[in-house]
Amino acid sequence: MKDEFPAPLATSGPQPLWDPARDYIRVVLRDMQVEARVGLHPWEKHPERPHRLVVNVELFAHLPPDRHASSRPIIDYDPIHDALKSWPGRPHVPLLETLVEEVIEICFGIEGVAACRVSILKPDIFSDAAAAGVEIYRRRPAKGRG
């Protein structure tokens, strides 16, 4: 009987995160502290005790081959900062992943951002660890792909 499984797709290996032959700019918003109500455990759901969160965002954009200052992309991190400042008033969310995905969506709303890395840490969650949290690195989806 003939194999019913399709042949594997030919690939040239994993795609690199960044092409080392191209220049890029990295814009950072580092160690921003905000409070938000987040967590799965019953003791994390008390509205009077939000968690202190530490948020780190890195935005990556390709630089054009010509190095003229006027042609460099300007990456505005204000929309991210402003959104984070509103978190103390937001409703409770169970997962840090939800918050990370929201920040990623804001990142890709900024023109020129080709990729981003977002981490959100809970520094006060364990007494024997500096922090616990989530980090996602994502490239902007290619146009025409869902």
N, C-alpha and C. Protein backbone atom coordinates (compact mmCIF):
# COMPACT_ATOMS: atom_id res chain seq x y z
N MET A 1 0.85 -1.18 0.00
CA MET A 1 0.00 0.00 0.00
C MET A 1 0.89 1.23 0.00
N LYS A 2 0.52 2.20 -0.78
CA LYS A 2 1.29 3.43 -0.92
C LYS A 2 1.12 4.32 0.32
N ASP A 3 2.22 5.03 0.68
CA ASP A 3 2.17 5.95 1.82
C ASP A 3 1.13 7.03 1.58
N GLU A 4 0.31 7.32 2.58
CA GLU A 4 -0.72 8.34 2.48
C GLU A 4 -0.27 9.69 3.00
N PHE A 5 0.93 9.77 3.55
CA PHE A 5 1.42 11.02 4.12
C PHE A 5 2.10 11.85 3.06
N PRO A 6 1.85 13.16 3.04
CA PRO A 6 2.54 14.01 2.06
C PRO A 6 4.03 14.12 2.41
N ALA A 7 4.82 14.38 1.40
CA ALA A 7 6.26 14.57 1.61
C ALA A 7 6.47 15.84 2.41
N PRO A 8 7.49 15.87 3.29
CA PRO A 8 7.74 17.09 4.06
C PRO A 8 8.14 18.23 3.13
N LEU A 9 7.80 19.43 3.57
CA LEU A 9 8.17 20.62 2.81
C LEU A 9 9.67 20.81 2.86
N ALA A 10 10.24 21.20 1.74
CA ALA A 10 11.68 21.48 1.70
C ALA A 10 11.94 22.81 2.38
N THR A 11 12.88 22.82 3.31
CA THR A 11 13.25 24.06 3.99
C THR A 11 14.76 24.16 4.01
N SER A 12 15.22 25.35 4.19
CA SER A 12 16.66 25.56 4.28
C SER A 12 17.07 25.78 5.73
N GLY A 13 16.29 25.28 6.64
CA GLY A 13 16.59 25.46 8.05
C GLY A 13 15.81 26.63 8.62
N PRO A 14 15.95 26.84 9.91
CA PRO A 14 15.19 27.94 10.54
C PRO A 14 15.67 29.29 10.04
N GLN A 15 14.70 30.18 9.91
CA GLN A 15 15.02 31.54 9.48
C GLN A 15 15.68 32.29 10.62
N PRO A 16 16.76 33.03 10.35
CA PRO A 16 17.39 33.80 11.43
C PRO A 16 16.47 34.94 11.87
N LEU A 17 16.60 35.32 13.12
CA LEU A 17 15.79 36.43 13.62
C LEU A 17 16.16 37.72 12.92
N TRP A 18 17.44 37.91 12.68
CA TRP A 18 17.91 39.11 12.00
C TRP A 18 19.00 38.72 11.03
N ASP A 19 19.03 39.37 9.90
CA ASP A 19 20.06 39.16 8.89
C ASP A 19 21.29 39.94 9.33
N PRO A 20 22.40 39.27 9.66
CA PRO A 20 23.59 39.99 10.13
C PRO A 20 24.20 40.90 9.07
N ALA A 21 23.77 40.76 7.82
CA ALA A 21 24.30 41.62 6.77
C ALA A 21 23.54 42.94 6.68
N ARG A 22 22.45 43.10 7.42
CA ARG A 22 21.67 44.33 7.38
C ARG A 22 21.79 45.07 8.70
N ASP A 23 21.74 46.38 8.61
CA ASP A 23 21.75 47.21 9.81
C ASP A 23 20.32 47.35 10.35
N TYR A 24 20.22 47.50 11.65
CA TYR A 24 18.92 47.76 12.24
C TYR A 24 19.11 48.64 13.47
N ILE A 25 18.01 49.20 13.92
CA ILE A 25 18.01 50.01 15.13
C ILE A 25 17.17 49.26 16.16
N ARG A 26 17.60 49.34 17.40
CA ARG A 26 16.85 48.75 18.51
C ARG A 26 16.49 49.88 19.46
N VAL A 27 15.22 50.05 19.71
CA VAL A 27 14.72 51.07 20.62
C VAL A 27 14.18 50.35 21.85
N VAL A 28 14.52 50.81 23.04
CA VAL A 28 14.13 50.10 24.25
C VAL A 28 13.33 50.98 25.20
N LEU A 29 12.43 50.33 25.89
CA LEU A 29 11.75 50.89 27.05
C LEU A 29 12.03 49.87 28.14
N ARG A 30 12.89 50.22 29.07
CA ARG A 30 13.44 49.23 29.99
C ARG A 30 12.96 49.45 31.43
N ASP A 31 12.59 48.35 32.06
CA ASP A 31 12.27 48.28 33.49
C ASP A 31 11.20 49.28 33.93
N MET A 32 10.19 49.45 33.09
CA MET A 32 9.07 50.31 33.48
C MET A 32 8.22 49.57 34.50
N GLN A 33 7.97 50.20 35.63
CA GLN A 33 7.19 49.58 36.68
C GLN A 33 5.77 50.13 36.67
N VAL A 34 4.82 49.20 36.63
CA VAL A 34 3.40 49.55 36.67
C VAL A 34 2.70 48.55 37.58
N GLU A 35 1.50 48.90 37.98
CA GLU A 35 0.67 47.98 38.75
C GLU A 35 -0.49 47.53 37.89
N ALA A 36 -0.85 46.26 38.05
CA ALA A 36 -2.02 45.71 37.36
C ALA A 36 -2.54 44.52 38.15
N ARG A 37 -3.81 44.29 37.98
CA ARG A 37 -4.42 43.12 38.61
C ARG A 37 -4.33 41.96 37.62
N VAL A 38 -3.47 40.99 37.95
CA VAL A 38 -3.22 39.87 37.05
C VAL A 38 -2.88 38.63 37.87
N GLY A 39 -3.35 37.48 37.41
CA GLY A 39 -3.00 36.23 38.06
C GLY A 39 -4.14 35.23 38.07
N LEU A 40 -3.77 33.96 38.14
CA LEU A 40 -4.73 32.86 38.15
C LEU A 40 -5.17 32.45 39.55
N HIS A 41 -4.27 32.60 40.51
CA HIS A 41 -4.53 32.10 41.85
C HIS A 41 -5.55 32.98 42.59
N PRO A 42 -6.34 32.36 43.47
CA PRO A 42 -7.35 33.15 44.21
C PRO A 42 -6.74 34.34 44.96
N TRP A 43 -5.56 34.17 45.53
CA TRP A 43 -4.94 35.25 46.29
C TRP A 43 -4.44 36.38 45.39
N GLU A 44 -4.42 36.16 44.06
CA GLU A 44 -4.00 37.20 43.12
C GLU A 44 -5.18 38.01 42.60
N LYS A 45 -6.38 37.65 43.03
CA LYS A 45 -7.58 38.28 42.49
C LYS A 45 -8.19 39.34 43.40
N HIS A 46 -7.46 39.76 44.42
CA HIS A 46 -7.96 40.81 45.31
C HIS A 46 -7.73 42.17 44.66
N PRO A 47 -8.80 42.90 44.36
CA PRO A 47 -8.64 44.18 43.66
C PRO A 47 -7.83 45.21 44.43
N GLU A 48 -7.80 45.09 45.75
CA GLU A 48 -7.06 46.07 46.55
C GLU A 48 -5.56 45.81 46.56
N ARG A 49 -5.13 44.68 45.98
CA ARG A 49 -3.69 44.36 45.98
C ARG A 49 -3.22 44.01 44.57
N PRO A 50 -3.05 45.00 43.71
CA PRO A 50 -2.54 44.70 42.37
C PRO A 50 -1.07 44.29 42.44
N HIS A 51 -0.62 43.61 41.42
CA HIS A 51 0.78 43.20 41.34
C HIS A 51 1.64 44.33 40.79
N ARG A 52 2.84 44.42 41.30
CA ARG A 52 3.84 45.29 40.70
C ARG A 52 4.44 44.50 39.54
N LEU A 53 4.47 45.12 38.37
CA LEU A 53 5.01 44.48 37.18
C LEU A 53 6.19 45.28 36.66
N VAL A 54 7.15 44.59 36.09
CA VAL A 54 8.28 45.24 35.42
C VAL A 54 8.18 44.86 33.94
N VAL A 55 8.08 45.88 33.10
CA VAL A 55 7.86 45.67 31.68
C VAL A 55 9.10 46.14 30.91
N ASN A 56 9.53 45.29 29.98
CA ASN A 56 10.63 45.62 29.08
C ASN A 56 10.16 45.43 27.65
N VAL A 57 10.46 46.42 26.82
CA VAL A 57 10.06 46.36 25.41
C VAL A 57 11.26 46.73 24.56
N GLU A 58 11.51 45.92 23.55
CA GLU A 58 12.53 46.22 22.56
C GLU A 58 11.85 46.25 21.20
N LEU A 59 12.09 47.31 20.46
CA LEU A 59 11.53 47.48 19.12
C LEU A 59 12.68 47.44 18.12
N PHE A 60 12.52 46.67 17.06
CA PHE A 60 13.56 46.52 16.05
C PHE A 60 13.04 47.03 14.72
N ALA A 61 13.87 47.82 14.03
CA ALA A 61 13.52 48.31 12.70
C ALA A 61 14.78 48.26 11.83
N HIS A 62 14.60 47.91 10.57
CA HIS A 62 15.72 47.87 9.65
C HIS A 62 16.14 49.29 9.29
N LEU A 63 17.43 49.51 9.16
CA LEU A 63 17.95 50.79 8.71
C LEU A 63 18.21 50.70 7.22
N PRO A 64 17.94 51.78 6.50
CA PRO A 64 18.22 51.77 5.07
C PRO A 64 19.73 51.73 4.83
N PRO A 65 20.14 51.26 3.65
CA PRO A 65 21.57 51.17 3.36
C PRO A 65 22.29 52.52 3.41
N ASP A 66 21.61 53.61 2.98
CA ASP A 66 22.25 54.93 3.11
C ASP A 66 22.10 55.39 4.54
N ARG A 67 23.10 55.98 5.08
CA ARG A 67 23.13 56.27 6.51
C ARG A 67 22.78 57.74 6.82
N HIS A 68 22.03 58.38 5.93
CA HIS A 68 21.65 59.77 6.18
C HIS A 68 20.68 59.84 7.35
N ALA A 69 20.94 60.75 8.26
CA ALA A 69 20.12 60.86 9.47
C ALA A 69 18.64 61.07 9.13
N SER A 70 18.35 61.81 8.08
CA SER A 70 16.96 62.10 7.75
C SER A 70 16.23 60.86 7.23
N SER A 71 16.95 59.84 6.79
CA SER A 71 16.29 58.66 6.24
C SER A 71 16.13 57.55 7.28
N ARG A 72 16.64 57.75 8.47
CA ARG A 72 16.50 56.72 9.51
C ARG A 72 15.09 56.71 10.05
N PRO A 73 14.58 55.52 10.34
CA PRO A 73 13.22 55.47 10.90
C PRO A 73 13.20 56.04 12.32
N ILE A 74 12.11 56.69 12.62
CA ILE A 74 11.91 57.19 13.98
C ILE A 74 10.90 56.27 14.63
N ILE A 75 11.31 55.62 15.69
CA ILE A 75 10.46 54.68 16.40
C ILE A 75 9.98 55.37 17.67
N ASP A 76 8.69 55.64 17.73
CA ASP A 76 8.10 56.38 18.83
C ASP A 76 7.57 55.40 19.88
N TYR A 77 8.21 55.36 21.04
CA TYR A 77 7.76 54.44 22.09
C TYR A 77 6.70 55.06 23.00
N ASP A 78 6.31 56.31 22.75
CA ASP A 78 5.27 56.95 23.56
C ASP A 78 3.96 56.16 23.62
N PRO A 79 3.47 55.59 22.50
CA PRO A 79 2.20 54.83 22.60
C PRO A 79 2.29 53.66 23.58
N ILE A 80 3.45 53.04 23.65
CA ILE A 80 3.62 51.92 24.59
C ILE A 80 3.62 52.44 26.02
N HIS A 81 4.41 53.48 26.25
CA HIS A 81 4.49 54.08 27.59
C HIS A 81 3.12 54.52 28.06
N ASP A 82 2.38 55.20 27.18
CA ASP A 82 1.05 55.71 27.55
C ASP A 82 0.09 54.56 27.88
N ALA A 83 0.13 53.49 27.11
CA ALA A 83 -0.75 52.34 27.37
C ALA A 83 -0.41 51.71 28.72
N LEU A 84 0.88 51.56 29.01
CA LEU A 84 1.28 50.96 30.28
C LEU A 84 0.85 51.81 31.47
N LYS A 85 0.88 53.11 31.32
CA LYS A 85 0.46 54.01 32.41
C LYS A 85 -1.02 53.83 32.75
N SER A 86 -1.81 53.31 31.81
CA SER A 86 -3.24 53.13 32.06
C SER A 86 -3.57 51.80 32.75
N TRP A 87 -2.60 50.93 32.90
CA TRP A 87 -2.87 49.59 33.43
C TRP A 87 -3.39 49.55 34.87
N PRO A 88 -3.02 50.45 35.76
CA PRO A 88 -3.57 50.34 37.11
C PRO A 88 -5.09 50.39 37.16
N GLY A 89 -5.72 51.02 36.21
CA GLY A 89 -7.18 51.12 36.20
C GLY A 89 -7.89 50.03 35.42
N ARG A 90 -7.15 49.12 34.83
CA ARG A 90 -7.77 48.10 33.99
C ARG A 90 -8.35 46.96 34.82
N PRO A 91 -9.32 46.23 34.28
CA PRO A 91 -9.87 45.06 34.99
C PRO A 91 -8.82 43.95 35.13
N HIS A 92 -9.08 43.04 36.03
CA HIS A 92 -8.21 41.90 36.27
C HIS A 92 -8.12 41.02 35.01
N VAL A 93 -6.91 40.55 34.72
CA VAL A 93 -6.70 39.57 33.65
C VAL A 93 -5.99 38.36 34.26
N PRO A 94 -6.34 37.16 33.83
CA PRO A 94 -5.73 35.99 34.44
C PRO A 94 -4.26 35.77 34.05
N LEU A 95 -3.88 36.11 32.82
CA LEU A 95 -2.56 35.71 32.32
C LEU A 95 -1.69 36.90 31.92
N LEU A 96 -0.41 36.80 32.27
CA LEU A 96 0.56 37.79 31.79
C LEU A 96 0.65 37.75 30.26
N GLU A 97 0.45 36.58 29.68
CA GLU A 97 0.50 36.45 28.23
C GLU A 97 -0.48 37.38 27.53
N THR A 98 -1.64 37.59 28.14
CA THR A 98 -2.64 38.51 27.59
C THR A 98 -2.07 39.92 27.52
N LEU A 99 -1.40 40.34 28.59
CA LEU A 99 -0.81 41.67 28.63
C LEU A 99 0.33 41.80 27.63
N VAL A 100 1.16 40.77 27.52
CA VAL A 100 2.27 40.78 26.56
C VAL A 100 1.72 40.92 25.14
N GLU A 101 0.69 40.15 24.82
CA GLU A 101 0.11 40.22 23.47
C GLU A 101 -0.46 41.61 23.18
N GLU A 102 -1.04 42.25 24.17
CA GLU A 102 -1.54 43.62 23.98
C GLU A 102 -0.41 44.58 23.66
N VAL A 103 0.71 44.44 24.36
CA VAL A 103 1.85 45.31 24.09
C VAL A 103 2.41 45.05 22.70
N ILE A 104 2.47 43.79 22.30
CA ILE A 104 2.95 43.45 20.96
C ILE A 104 2.07 44.10 19.90
N GLU A 105 0.77 44.08 20.10
CA GLU A 105 -0.14 44.72 19.15
C GLU A 105 0.15 46.22 19.04
N ILE A 106 0.42 46.85 20.16
CA ILE A 106 0.77 48.28 20.15
C ILE A 106 2.08 48.48 19.39
N CYS A 107 3.05 47.61 19.63
CA CYS A 107 4.35 47.71 18.95
C CYS A 107 4.17 47.70 17.43
N PHE A 108 3.36 46.77 16.93
CA PHE A 108 3.17 46.66 15.49
C PHE A 108 2.26 47.74 14.92
N GLY A 109 1.65 48.53 15.79
CA GLY A 109 0.93 49.71 15.35
C GLY A 109 1.86 50.88 15.06
N ILE A 110 3.12 50.73 15.43
CA ILE A 110 4.12 51.77 15.20
C ILE A 110 4.80 51.49 13.87
N GLU A 111 4.74 52.45 12.98
CA GLU A 111 5.31 52.28 11.65
C GLU A 111 6.81 52.01 11.72
N GLY A 112 7.25 51.08 10.91
CA GLY A 112 8.67 50.76 10.83
C GLY A 112 9.12 49.63 11.73
N VAL A 113 8.34 49.28 12.74
CA VAL A 113 8.75 48.20 13.64
C VAL A 113 8.63 46.87 12.90
N ALA A 114 9.77 46.18 12.75
CA ALA A 114 9.80 44.89 12.06
C ALA A 114 9.69 43.72 13.02
N ALA A 115 10.08 43.94 14.27
CA ALA A 115 10.02 42.88 15.29
C ALA A 115 10.03 43.55 16.65
N CYS A 116 9.61 42.79 17.65
CA CYS A 116 9.65 43.31 19.01
C CYS A 116 9.85 42.17 19.99
N ARG A 117 10.36 42.52 21.13
CA ARG A 117 10.51 41.60 22.25
C ARG A 117 9.88 42.28 23.46
N VAL A 118 8.96 41.58 24.10
CA VAL A 118 8.25 42.15 25.24
C VAL A 118 8.33 41.15 26.39
N SER A 119 8.74 41.64 27.54
CA SER A 119 8.70 40.80 28.74
C SER A 119 7.95 41.54 29.83
N ILE A 120 7.20 40.76 30.61
CA ILE A 120 6.51 41.28 31.78
C ILE A 120 6.84 40.35 32.93
N LEU A 121 7.36 40.93 33.99
CA LEU A 121 7.80 40.17 35.15
C LEU A 121 7.03 40.59 36.39
N LYS A 122 6.78 39.63 37.26
CA LYS A 122 6.23 39.88 38.59
C LYS A 122 7.40 39.74 39.57
N PRO A 123 7.97 40.85 40.04
CA PRO A 123 9.14 40.74 40.91
C PRO A 123 8.82 40.31 42.34
N ASP A 124 7.58 40.38 42.74
CA ASP A 124 7.24 40.09 44.14
C ASP A 124 6.52 38.76 44.33
N ILE A 125 6.51 37.92 43.33
CA ILE A 125 5.70 36.71 43.38
C ILE A 125 6.32 35.61 44.24
N PHE A 126 7.65 35.44 44.19
CA PHE A 126 8.33 34.42 44.98
C PHE A 126 9.42 35.07 45.82
N SER A 127 9.58 34.59 47.04
CA SER A 127 10.61 35.15 47.92
C SER A 127 12.01 34.63 47.56
N ASP A 128 12.08 33.53 46.83
CA ASP A 128 13.38 32.95 46.50
C ASP A 128 13.79 33.14 45.04
N ALA A 129 13.12 34.07 44.34
CA ALA A 129 13.46 34.37 42.94
C ALA A 129 13.32 35.87 42.72
N ALA A 130 14.15 36.40 41.86
CA ALA A 130 14.09 37.83 41.56
C ALA A 130 12.77 38.21 40.90
N ALA A 131 12.24 37.32 40.05
CA ALA A 131 10.98 37.59 39.37
C ALA A 131 10.53 36.34 38.63
N ALA A 132 9.27 36.34 38.25
CA ALA A 132 8.70 35.32 37.37
C ALA A 132 7.90 36.06 36.32
N GLY A 133 7.93 35.56 35.10
CA GLY A 133 7.20 36.28 34.07
C GLY A 133 7.21 35.60 32.73
N VAL A 134 6.90 36.39 31.71
CA VAL A 134 6.74 35.91 30.35
C VAL A 134 7.47 36.86 29.41
N GLU A 135 8.11 36.27 28.38
CA GLU A 135 8.74 37.07 27.33
C GLU A 135 8.37 36.47 25.98
N ILE A 136 8.01 37.33 25.04
CA ILE A 136 7.72 36.89 23.67
C ILE A 136 8.52 37.77 22.72
N TYR A 137 9.16 37.12 21.76
CA TYR A 137 9.80 37.81 20.64
C TYR A 137 8.96 37.49 19.42
N ARG A 138 8.58 38.53 18.68
CA ARG A 138 7.75 38.30 17.49
C ARG A 138 8.17 39.21 16.37
N ARG A 139 8.23 38.63 15.16
CA ARG A 139 8.45 39.41 13.95
C ARG A 139 7.09 39.83 13.38
N ARG A 140 7.10 40.98 12.74
CA ARG A 140 5.85 41.46 12.10
C ARG A 140 5.42 40.41 11.07
N PRO A 141 4.14 40.04 11.09
CA PRO A 141 3.68 39.07 10.10
C PRO A 141 3.87 39.60 8.69
N ALA A 142 4.22 38.70 7.77
CA ALA A 142 4.36 39.09 6.37
C ALA A 142 3.00 39.48 5.82
N LYS A 143 2.99 40.45 4.94
CA LYS A 143 1.73 40.88 4.33
C LYS A 143 1.14 39.74 3.51
N GLY A 144 -0.18 39.60 3.63
CA GLY A 144 -0.85 38.55 2.88
C GLY A 144 -0.90 37.22 3.58
N ARG A 145 -0.29 37.15 4.78
CA ARG A 145 -0.33 35.89 5.55
C ARG A 145 -1.17 36.13 6.79
N GLY A 146 -1.96 35.19 7.16
CA GLY A 146 -2.85 35.37 8.28
C GLY A 146 -2.42 34.74 9.50
